[in-house]
Amino acid sequence: MNLTNMMAFLVFPYLALTTFVVGHAYRYIVDPFFWNAKSSEFLEKKNLYPGITLFHWGILLTLLGHAGGLLIPQTLFDMVGIDGQAHLRVAYWSGLVVGAAAFVGSILLLWRRATVKRIQATTTLNDYVTLAGLVFVTGAGLFNVVFGHFYVLDTIAPWIRGIVFFQPNPELMSAVPLSYKIHILSAFALLGFSPFSRLVHIWSAPFTYLLRRHIVFRRRVADASVQYVD
């Protein structure tokens, strides 16, 4: 087995995932008051909404697409009449739309950080690294969608399932094009970096809001006949 391939697609993914899990847990315990996105909306709104909307919708749908397309074996898609080529066509067009949204959104957010003076004054090096990482990862993914056209269902898909279910086979990645490898490794690097950045707020999504009981407001009209004594 090639040592470089084993380090890149066996050791590094588990190192990044371990850092992701342990890092988030540790930060939540020792740093709960800074577990947030450090929103800059109060400082400037006009340039925020286009980028934040495109990025959030794009990245969420991209993650769902990756989970459904790579973690579900192709045999299950075959059972419902979706063969490999049809699967890849759906992945191409959906990936083109949501990947472009995530990429453009992350560029807009980085541009806002670098050009709006009020935001620039409160932006740290960590913020720039985080946004640059998002631009790079989404850009590399979009590049593969547009120019890659590699059949991932026999290589990358079973490899990522092997990583998730602790049956890794790094040899599956040997024949994968370099651009796909760069996208995958940069994505794992960003996962490993996320506990130390503002990306921790991904765990603070208000999903429980949907389960909250409704607050009922009732209008009370005062009886004009009632006399109030001061």
Protein backbone atom coordinates (compact mmCIF):
# COMPACT_ATOMS: atom_id res chain seq x y z
CA MET A 1 0.00 0.00 0.00
CA ASN A 2 1.32 3.45 -0.93
CA LEU A 3 2.34 5.28 2.28
CA THR A 4 1.27 8.73 1.03
CA ASN A 5 -2.13 7.43 -0.03
CA MET A 6 -2.59 5.69 3.34
CA MET A 7 -1.65 8.82 5.30
CA ALA A 8 -3.92 11.04 3.20
CA PHE A 9 -6.99 8.82 2.99
CA LEU A 10 -6.79 6.72 6.13
CA VAL A 11 -4.87 8.54 8.87
CA PHE A 12 -5.76 12.13 8.04
CA PRO A 13 -9.56 11.68 7.78
CA TYR A 14 -9.73 10.00 11.20
CA LEU A 15 -7.41 12.63 12.67
CA ALA A 16 -9.67 15.40 11.33
CA LEU A 17 -12.87 13.69 12.49
CA THR A 18 -11.43 13.05 15.96
CA THR A 19 -10.43 16.71 16.23
CA PHE A 20 -13.91 17.68 15.04
CA VAL A 21 -15.71 15.62 17.70
CA VAL A 22 -13.34 16.12 20.64
CA GLY A 23 -12.69 19.76 19.79
CA HIS A 24 -16.36 20.71 19.73
CA ALA A 25 -17.07 18.85 22.96
CA TYR A 26 -14.09 20.46 24.71
CA ARG A 27 -14.94 23.95 23.53
CA TYR A 28 -18.58 23.59 24.54
CA ILE A 29 -17.50 22.64 28.07
CA VAL A 30 -14.76 25.21 28.62
CA ASP A 31 -15.94 28.09 26.41
CA PRO A 32 -19.78 28.10 26.41
CA PHE A 33 -20.16 31.88 26.37
CA PHE A 34 -18.38 32.19 23.02
CA TRP A 35 -20.30 29.36 21.37
CA ASN A 36 -21.82 31.55 18.68
CA ALA A 37 -21.34 32.94 15.20
CA LYS A 38 -20.28 36.39 16.47
CA SER A 39 -22.85 37.92 14.15
CA SER A 40 -21.93 41.22 12.51
CA GLU A 41 -25.50 41.98 11.45
CA PHE A 42 -25.74 44.86 13.93
CA LEU A 43 -22.75 46.54 12.31
CA GLU A 44 -23.86 46.20 8.68
CA LYS A 45 -26.86 44.56 7.04
CA LYS A 46 -27.04 45.67 3.43
CA ASN A 47 -24.18 43.53 2.14
CA LEU A 48 -24.83 40.64 4.51
CA TYR A 49 -28.13 39.20 3.28
CA PRO A 50 -27.18 38.18 -0.31
CA GLY A 51 -24.06 36.33 0.78
CA ILE A 52 -25.44 34.75 3.94
CA THR A 53 -28.60 33.55 2.18
CA LEU A 54 -26.78 32.03 -0.79
CA PHE A 55 -24.14 30.44 1.41
CA HIS A 56 -26.42 28.89 4.01
CA TRP A 57 -28.91 27.43 1.55
CA GLY A 58 -26.11 26.30 -0.74
CA ILE A 59 -23.99 24.63 1.94
CA LEU A 60 -26.92 22.94 3.71
CA LEU A 61 -28.26 21.45 0.49
CA THR A 62 -24.74 20.50 -0.57
CA LEU A 63 -24.20 18.58 2.68
CA LEU A 64 -27.54 16.82 2.29
CA GLY A 65 -26.68 15.95 -1.30
CA HIS A 66 -23.30 14.55 -0.31
CA ALA A 67 -24.87 12.50 2.48
CA GLY A 68 -27.57 11.07 0.24
CA GLY A 69 -25.40 10.54 -2.81
CA LEU A 70 -22.28 9.10 -1.16
CA LEU A 71 -23.46 7.36 2.01
CA ILE A 72 -26.39 5.51 0.41
CA PRO A 73 -25.09 2.53 -1.64
CA GLN A 74 -25.86 2.55 -5.35
CA THR A 75 -27.56 -0.83 -4.98
CA LEU A 76 -30.41 0.88 -3.11
CA PHE A 77 -30.80 3.43 -5.89
CA ASP A 78 -30.86 0.56 -8.41
CA MET A 79 -33.72 -1.01 -6.48
CA VAL A 80 -35.90 2.04 -7.11
CA GLY A 81 -34.93 2.33 -10.77
CA ILE A 82 -32.13 4.92 -10.54
CA ASP A 83 -29.03 3.55 -12.24
CA GLY A 84 -25.52 4.95 -11.87
CA GLN A 85 -25.72 7.32 -14.84
CA ALA A 86 -29.06 8.74 -13.73
CA HIS A 87 -27.66 9.15 -10.23
CA LEU A 88 -24.71 11.13 -11.57
CA ARG A 89 -26.94 13.32 -13.75
CA VAL A 90 -29.03 14.27 -10.75
CA ALA A 91 -25.85 14.88 -8.74
CA TYR A 92 -24.41 17.03 -11.54
CA TRP A 93 -27.34 19.41 -11.98
CA SER A 94 -28.20 19.68 -8.31
CA GLY A 95 -24.53 20.05 -7.40
CA LEU A 96 -24.12 22.75 -10.02
CA VAL A 97 -26.93 24.84 -8.55
CA VAL A 98 -26.29 24.44 -4.82
CA GLY A 99 -22.51 24.35 -5.21
CA ALA A 100 -22.55 27.61 -7.15
CA ALA A 101 -24.77 29.16 -4.46
CA ALA A 102 -22.40 28.10 -1.67
CA PHE A 103 -19.33 29.26 -3.61
CA VAL A 104 -20.74 32.66 -4.59
CA GLY A 105 -22.15 33.16 -1.10
CA SER A 106 -18.81 32.45 0.58
CA ILE A 107 -17.04 34.85 -1.81
CA LEU A 108 -19.55 37.59 -0.99
CA LEU A 109 -19.05 37.03 2.74
CA LEU A 110 -15.27 37.17 2.39
CA TRP A 111 -15.51 40.30 0.21
CA ARG A 112 -17.73 41.96 2.82
CA ARG A 113 -15.26 41.14 5.58
CA ALA A 114 -12.37 42.59 3.60
CA THR A 115 -14.00 45.76 2.23
CA VAL A 116 -16.62 47.07 4.68
CA LYS A 117 -14.65 49.15 7.19
CA ARG A 118 -16.91 48.55 10.19
CA ILE A 119 -16.74 44.78 9.63
CA GLN A 120 -13.06 44.84 8.79
CA ALA A 121 -12.29 46.49 12.13
CA THR A 122 -13.83 43.58 14.05
CA THR A 123 -12.56 40.76 11.82
CA THR A 124 -9.78 38.49 13.08
CA LEU A 125 -7.25 36.39 11.21
CA ASN A 126 -9.27 33.34 12.24
CA ASP A 127 -12.32 34.78 10.45
CA TYR A 128 -10.34 35.30 7.25
CA VAL A 129 -8.91 31.78 7.41
CA THR A 130 -12.39 30.33 7.97
CA LEU A 131 -13.97 32.17 5.04
CA ALA A 132 -10.98 31.51 2.78
CA GLY A 133 -11.28 27.82 3.65
CA LEU A 134 -14.97 27.83 2.75
CA VAL A 135 -14.24 29.57 -0.56
CA PHE A 136 -11.54 27.03 -1.38
CA VAL A 137 -13.57 23.93 -0.45
CA THR A 138 -16.74 25.05 -2.24
CA GLY A 139 -14.72 26.27 -5.23
CA ALA A 140 -12.87 22.96 -5.54
CA GLY A 141 -16.15 21.08 -5.34
CA LEU A 142 -17.75 23.28 -7.99
CA PHE A 143 -14.69 22.82 -10.22
CA ASN A 144 -15.14 19.04 -10.03
CA VAL A 145 -18.82 19.33 -10.87
CA VAL A 146 -18.13 21.43 -13.97
CA PHE A 147 -14.88 19.89 -15.20
CA GLY A 148 -14.44 16.60 -13.35
CA HIS A 149 -17.05 14.14 -14.64
CA PHE A 150 -15.40 11.30 -12.74
CA TYR A 151 -17.43 8.21 -11.88
CA VAL A 152 -17.35 8.42 -8.08
CA LEU A 153 -19.79 5.62 -7.27
CA ASP A 154 -17.14 2.88 -7.44
CA THR A 155 -14.34 4.81 -5.75
CA ILE A 156 -15.07 7.86 -3.58
CA ALA A 157 -18.52 6.72 -2.46
CA PRO A 158 -17.46 3.32 -1.06
CA TRP A 159 -14.32 4.91 0.40
CA ILE A 160 -16.29 7.51 2.38
CA ARG A 161 -18.74 4.83 3.57
CA GLY A 162 -15.76 2.81 4.72
CA ILE A 163 -14.46 5.78 6.71
CA VAL A 164 -17.85 6.40 8.32
CA PHE A 165 -18.50 2.75 9.19
CA PHE A 166 -14.90 2.01 10.28
CA GLN A 167 -14.08 -0.24 7.34
CA PRO A 168 -11.59 2.02 5.52
CA ASN A 169 -10.05 1.09 2.21
CA PRO A 170 -7.68 3.87 1.11
CA GLU A 171 -6.69 1.93 -2.01
CA LEU A 172 -10.03 2.97 -3.53
CA MET A 173 -8.67 6.53 -3.76
CA SER A 174 -5.55 5.62 -5.73
CA ALA A 175 -7.10 6.22 -9.15
CA VAL A 176 -9.13 9.30 -8.17
CA PRO A 177 -8.14 12.52 -10.02
CA LEU A 178 -6.07 15.06 -8.13
CA SER A 179 -8.79 17.74 -8.13
CA TYR A 180 -11.15 15.41 -6.26
CA LYS A 181 -8.44 14.52 -3.75
CA ILE A 182 -7.76 18.22 -3.10
CA HIS A 183 -11.47 18.86 -2.51
CA ILE A 184 -11.79 15.92 -0.11
CA LEU A 185 -8.64 16.66 1.89
CA SER A 186 -9.44 20.38 2.17
CA ALA A 187 -12.96 19.53 3.37
CA PHE A 188 -11.56 17.26 6.10
CA ALA A 189 -9.05 19.96 7.05
CA LEU A 190 -11.89 22.46 7.41
CA LEU A 191 -13.81 19.99 9.58
CA GLY A 192 -10.78 19.64 11.83
CA PHE A 193 -10.39 23.42 12.04
CA SER A 194 -14.06 24.16 12.71
CA PRO A 195 -14.00 23.68 16.54
CA PHE A 196 -11.53 26.57 16.76
CA SER A 197 -13.55 28.97 14.60
CA ARG A 198 -16.96 30.63 14.41
CA LEU A 199 -18.20 27.51 12.60
CA VAL A 200 -19.09 26.03 16.00
CA HIS A 201 -22.49 27.71 15.62
CA ILE A 202 -23.57 24.93 13.23
CA TRP A 203 -24.64 23.07 16.38
CA SER A 204 -26.73 26.02 17.54
CA ALA A 205 -29.31 25.83 14.77
CA PRO A 206 -32.74 26.42 16.39
CA PHE A 207 -34.25 23.05 15.46
CA THR A 208 -36.03 22.83 18.82
CA TYR A 209 -38.00 25.94 17.87
CA LEU A 210 -40.23 23.71 15.74
CA LEU A 211 -41.14 21.71 18.86
CA ARG A 212 -41.95 24.66 21.10
CA ARG A 213 -45.53 25.20 22.20
CA HIS A 214 -47.37 28.09 20.60
CA ILE A 215 -47.68 31.31 22.55
CA VAL A 216 -51.31 32.39 22.50
CA PHE A 217 -52.02 36.10 22.64
CA ARG A 218 -55.54 37.10 23.69
CA ARG A 219 -56.90 40.58 23.44
CA ARG A 220 -58.62 41.83 26.57
CA VAL A 221 -61.08 44.68 26.16
CA ALA A 222 -61.68 46.71 29.30
CA ASP A 223 -65.27 47.03 30.47
CA ALA A 224 -66.20 50.72 30.24
CA SER A 225 -68.71 50.32 33.05
CA VAL A 226 -66.08 49.38 35.57
CA GLN A 227 -64.92 52.28 37.70
CA TYR A 228 -61.29 52.37 38.68
CA VAL A 229 -60.27 54.17 41.82
CA ASP A 230 -56.80 55.61 42.02
